[in-house]
Every structure is written in C-alpha cells, then in structure tokens.
N, C-alpha and C. Protein backbone atom coordinates (compact mmCIF):
# COMPACT_ATOMS: atom_id res chain seq x y z
N MET A 1 -57.66 18.06 -24.06
CA MET A 1 -57.44 17.73 -23.30
C MET A 1 -56.07 17.50 -22.58
N ASP A 2 -55.64 16.69 -21.20
CA ASP A 2 -54.52 16.85 -21.47
C ASP A 2 -53.74 15.76 -21.73
N GLU A 3 -52.83 15.84 -22.73
CA GLU A 3 -51.75 14.06 -23.09
C GLU A 3 -51.11 14.17 -22.48
N GLY A 4 -50.54 13.54 -21.38
CA GLY A 4 -49.94 13.35 -20.09
C GLY A 4 -50.68 12.65 -19.66
N VAL A 5 -52.00 12.72 -20.13
CA VAL A 5 -53.10 11.54 -18.73
C VAL A 5 -53.29 9.97 -19.60
N LYS A 6 -52.87 9.32 -19.04
CA LYS A 6 -53.19 7.53 -19.19
C LYS A 6 -54.06 7.37 -19.31
N VAL A 7 -54.64 6.19 -19.60
CA VAL A 7 -55.87 5.79 -19.53
C VAL A 7 -55.71 3.79 -19.51
N LEU A 8 -55.45 4.25 -17.73
CA LEU A 8 -54.62 2.40 -17.79
C LEU A 8 -55.47 1.11 -17.59
N ASN A 9 -57.13 1.82 -17.74
CA ASN A 9 -57.85 0.89 -17.71
C ASN A 9 -59.06 0.81 -19.02
N ASP A 10 -58.57 0.26 -20.00
CA ASP A 10 -58.75 0.75 -21.49
C ASP A 10 -58.94 -0.90 -22.69
N LYS A 11 -59.88 -1.30 -22.01
CA LYS A 11 -60.08 -2.71 -21.98
C LYS A 11 -61.63 -2.50 -23.02
N GLY A 12 -61.58 -3.51 -24.14
CA GLY A 12 -62.61 -4.08 -25.01
C GLY A 12 -63.11 -3.28 -25.78
N MET A 13 -63.25 -2.65 -26.09
CA MET A 13 -64.49 -1.75 -27.82
C MET A 13 -65.55 -0.88 -26.74
N THR A 14 -65.18 0.46 -27.88
CA THR A 14 -66.21 1.38 -27.75
C THR A 14 -67.12 0.89 -28.32
N THR A 15 -68.12 1.55 -28.62
CA THR A 15 -69.58 1.16 -29.15
C THR A 15 -69.81 2.01 -30.87
N ALA A 16 -68.12 2.79 -30.91
CA ALA A 16 -68.40 2.65 -33.00
C ALA A 16 -67.19 1.17 -33.07
N GLU A 17 -66.10 0.76 -32.47
CA GLU A 17 -66.19 -0.43 -32.80
C GLU A 17 -66.78 -1.28 -32.58
N TYR A 18 -67.84 -1.40 -32.15
CA TYR A 18 -69.30 -2.55 -31.75
C TYR A 18 -69.89 -2.69 -32.65
N ALA A 19 -70.52 -0.67 -33.39
CA ALA A 19 -71.44 -0.20 -34.50
C ALA A 19 -70.27 -1.22 -36.02
N ILE A 20 -68.97 -0.78 -35.99
CA ILE A 20 -68.51 -1.15 -37.10
C ILE A 20 -68.11 -2.96 -37.74
N GLY A 21 -68.10 -3.53 -36.31
CA GLY A 21 -67.98 -5.43 -35.75
C GLY A 21 -69.57 -5.37 -36.28
N THR A 22 -69.93 -4.93 -36.07
CA THR A 22 -72.03 -5.28 -36.41
C THR A 22 -72.37 -5.35 -38.13
N LEU A 23 -72.00 -4.04 -38.65
CA LEU A 23 -71.82 -4.63 -39.67
C LEU A 23 -71.41 -5.20 -40.73
N ALA A 24 -69.77 -5.25 -40.30
CA ALA A 24 -68.91 -5.97 -40.96
C ALA A 24 -69.94 -7.31 -41.00
N ALA A 25 -70.25 -8.75 -39.49
CA ALA A 25 -70.37 -9.16 -39.50
C ALA A 25 -71.52 -9.53 -40.92
N ALA A 26 -72.22 -8.38 -40.52
CA ALA A 26 -73.80 -8.92 -41.19
C ALA A 26 -73.89 -7.72 -43.01
N GLY A 27 -72.68 -7.86 -43.29
CA GLY A 27 -72.44 -7.27 -44.70
C GLY A 27 -71.35 -9.03 -45.47
N LEU A 28 -70.50 -9.03 -44.23
CA LEU A 28 -70.07 -10.58 -44.69
C LEU A 28 -71.56 -11.86 -45.03
N ALA A 29 -72.64 -12.20 -43.59
CA ALA A 29 -73.46 -12.48 -44.38
C ALA A 29 -74.19 -12.43 -44.76
N THR A 30 -74.49 -11.50 -45.63
CA THR A 30 -75.04 -10.81 -46.82
C THR A 30 -74.47 -12.16 -48.11
N VAL A 31 -73.55 -11.75 -47.59
CA VAL A 31 -72.90 -12.84 -49.65
C VAL A 31 -72.89 -13.69 -48.96
N LEU A 32 -72.70 -14.21 -48.89
CA LEU A 32 -72.63 -15.89 -47.55
C LEU A 32 -74.18 -16.07 -47.82
N LEU A 33 -75.87 -15.59 -48.11
CA LEU A 33 -76.49 -15.61 -47.85
C LEU A 33 -76.22 -15.72 -49.82
N VAL A 34 -76.16 -14.70 -50.58
CA VAL A 34 -76.13 -14.58 -51.24
C VAL A 34 -75.84 -15.19 -52.84
N LEU A 35 -74.40 -15.48 -52.33
CA LEU A 35 -73.44 -17.24 -52.52
C LEU A 35 -74.35 -18.38 -52.41
N LEU A 36 -74.50 -18.14 -51.19
CA LEU A 36 -75.96 -20.02 -50.91
C LEU A 36 -76.94 -20.37 -52.07
N LYS A 37 -77.23 -18.54 -51.99
CA LYS A 37 -78.92 -19.57 -52.32
C LYS A 37 -79.13 -18.91 -54.49
N GLY A 38 -77.21 -19.70 -55.17
CA GLY A 38 -77.52 -19.22 -56.06
C GLY A 38 -77.55 -20.87 -56.60
N ASP A 39 -77.80 -20.79 -58.18
CA ASP A 39 -78.37 -21.87 -58.65
C ASP A 39 -76.85 -23.42 -58.84
N TRP A 40 -75.54 -22.56 -59.08
CA TRP A 40 -73.97 -23.25 -58.59
C TRP A 40 -73.92 -23.53 -57.35
N VAL A 41 -74.30 -23.00 -56.52
CA VAL A 41 -73.72 -23.68 -55.10
C VAL A 41 -74.34 -24.93 -55.10
N MET A 42 -75.47 -25.10 -55.18
CA MET A 42 -76.38 -26.25 -54.63
C MET A 42 -75.91 -27.09 -55.54
N ALA A 43 -75.68 -26.85 -56.77
CA ALA A 43 -75.22 -28.34 -58.18
C ALA A 43 -74.02 -28.39 -57.20
N LEU A 44 -72.69 -27.68 -57.29
CA LEU A 44 -72.07 -28.12 -56.63
C LEU A 44 -72.17 -28.01 -55.22
N LEU A 45 -72.11 -28.63 -54.12
CA LEU A 45 -73.11 -29.12 -53.28
C LEU A 45 -73.51 -30.42 -53.28
N GLN A 46 -74.30 -30.43 -54.55
CA GLN A 46 -75.26 -31.80 -54.60
C GLN A 46 -74.01 -33.09 -55.20
N GLY A 47 -72.78 -32.34 -56.41
CA GLY A 47 -72.52 -33.22 -56.54
C GLY A 47 -70.78 -33.26 -55.58
N LEU A 48 -70.90 -32.98 -54.89
CA LEU A 48 -69.91 -33.29 -53.63
C LEU A 48 -70.19 -34.22 -52.73
N LEU A 49 -71.74 -33.79 -52.37
CA LEU A 49 -73.12 -35.07 -51.18
C LEU A 49 -72.70 -36.47 -52.87
N GLN A 50 -73.09 -36.15 -53.65
CA GLN A 50 -72.69 -36.80 -54.14
C GLN A 50 -71.67 -38.04 -54.11
N LYS A 51 -70.03 -37.76 -54.48
CA LYS A 51 -69.49 -38.07 -54.89
C LYS A 51 -69.32 -39.13 -53.62
N ALA A 52 -69.92 -38.11 -52.36
CA ALA A 52 -69.21 -38.63 -51.23
C ALA A 52 -69.71 -39.76 -50.68
N PHE A 53 -70.98 -39.88 -51.06
CA PHE A 53 -71.58 -41.15 -50.77
C PHE A 53 -71.06 -42.41 -51.64
N THR A 54 -71.15 -42.03 -52.67
CA THR A 54 -70.73 -42.97 -53.46
C THR A 54 -68.83 -43.31 -54.27
N ALA A 55 -68.53 -42.72 -53.31
CA ALA A 55 -66.93 -43.03 -52.97
C ALA A 55 -66.98 -44.53 -52.46
N GLY A 56 -67.31 -44.89 -52.17
CA GLY A 56 -66.76 -46.35 -51.79
C GLY A 56 -67.30 -47.81 -53.25
N THR A 57 -68.24 -47.25 -53.73
CA THR A 57 -68.72 -48.13 -54.78
C THR A 57 -67.79 -48.47 -55.60
C-alpha cells in the first residue's frame, strides 16, 4: 500500500471496532446483572427505599 495516500473520509467505526464495542457492552451488562441479582444489593436497595419513604416522619 502506498504510504503517501491519505484517506479523507474516514468517519465512523470499522467492523472490528463495532465488535469490540459490542463485546465490551455485553461484558458490562453481564457484570451489572450478576451484581444486581445478589442478595446484598437487594437489601441495600430496600434499606435505601425505606429510608427515603420514612425520611419525613
């Protein structure tokens, strides 16, 4: 390939970048799903909501 050729219209992501981005998003979603399914997260959310609803009393 000629080193002197410049690509003027190189906007957006390539297929490989889309694949890496999709894998990263799926990995993050998996981590969040595992965390949110834990019992300690449910207890934390319940405690937070209970404090929020009883703050004025």
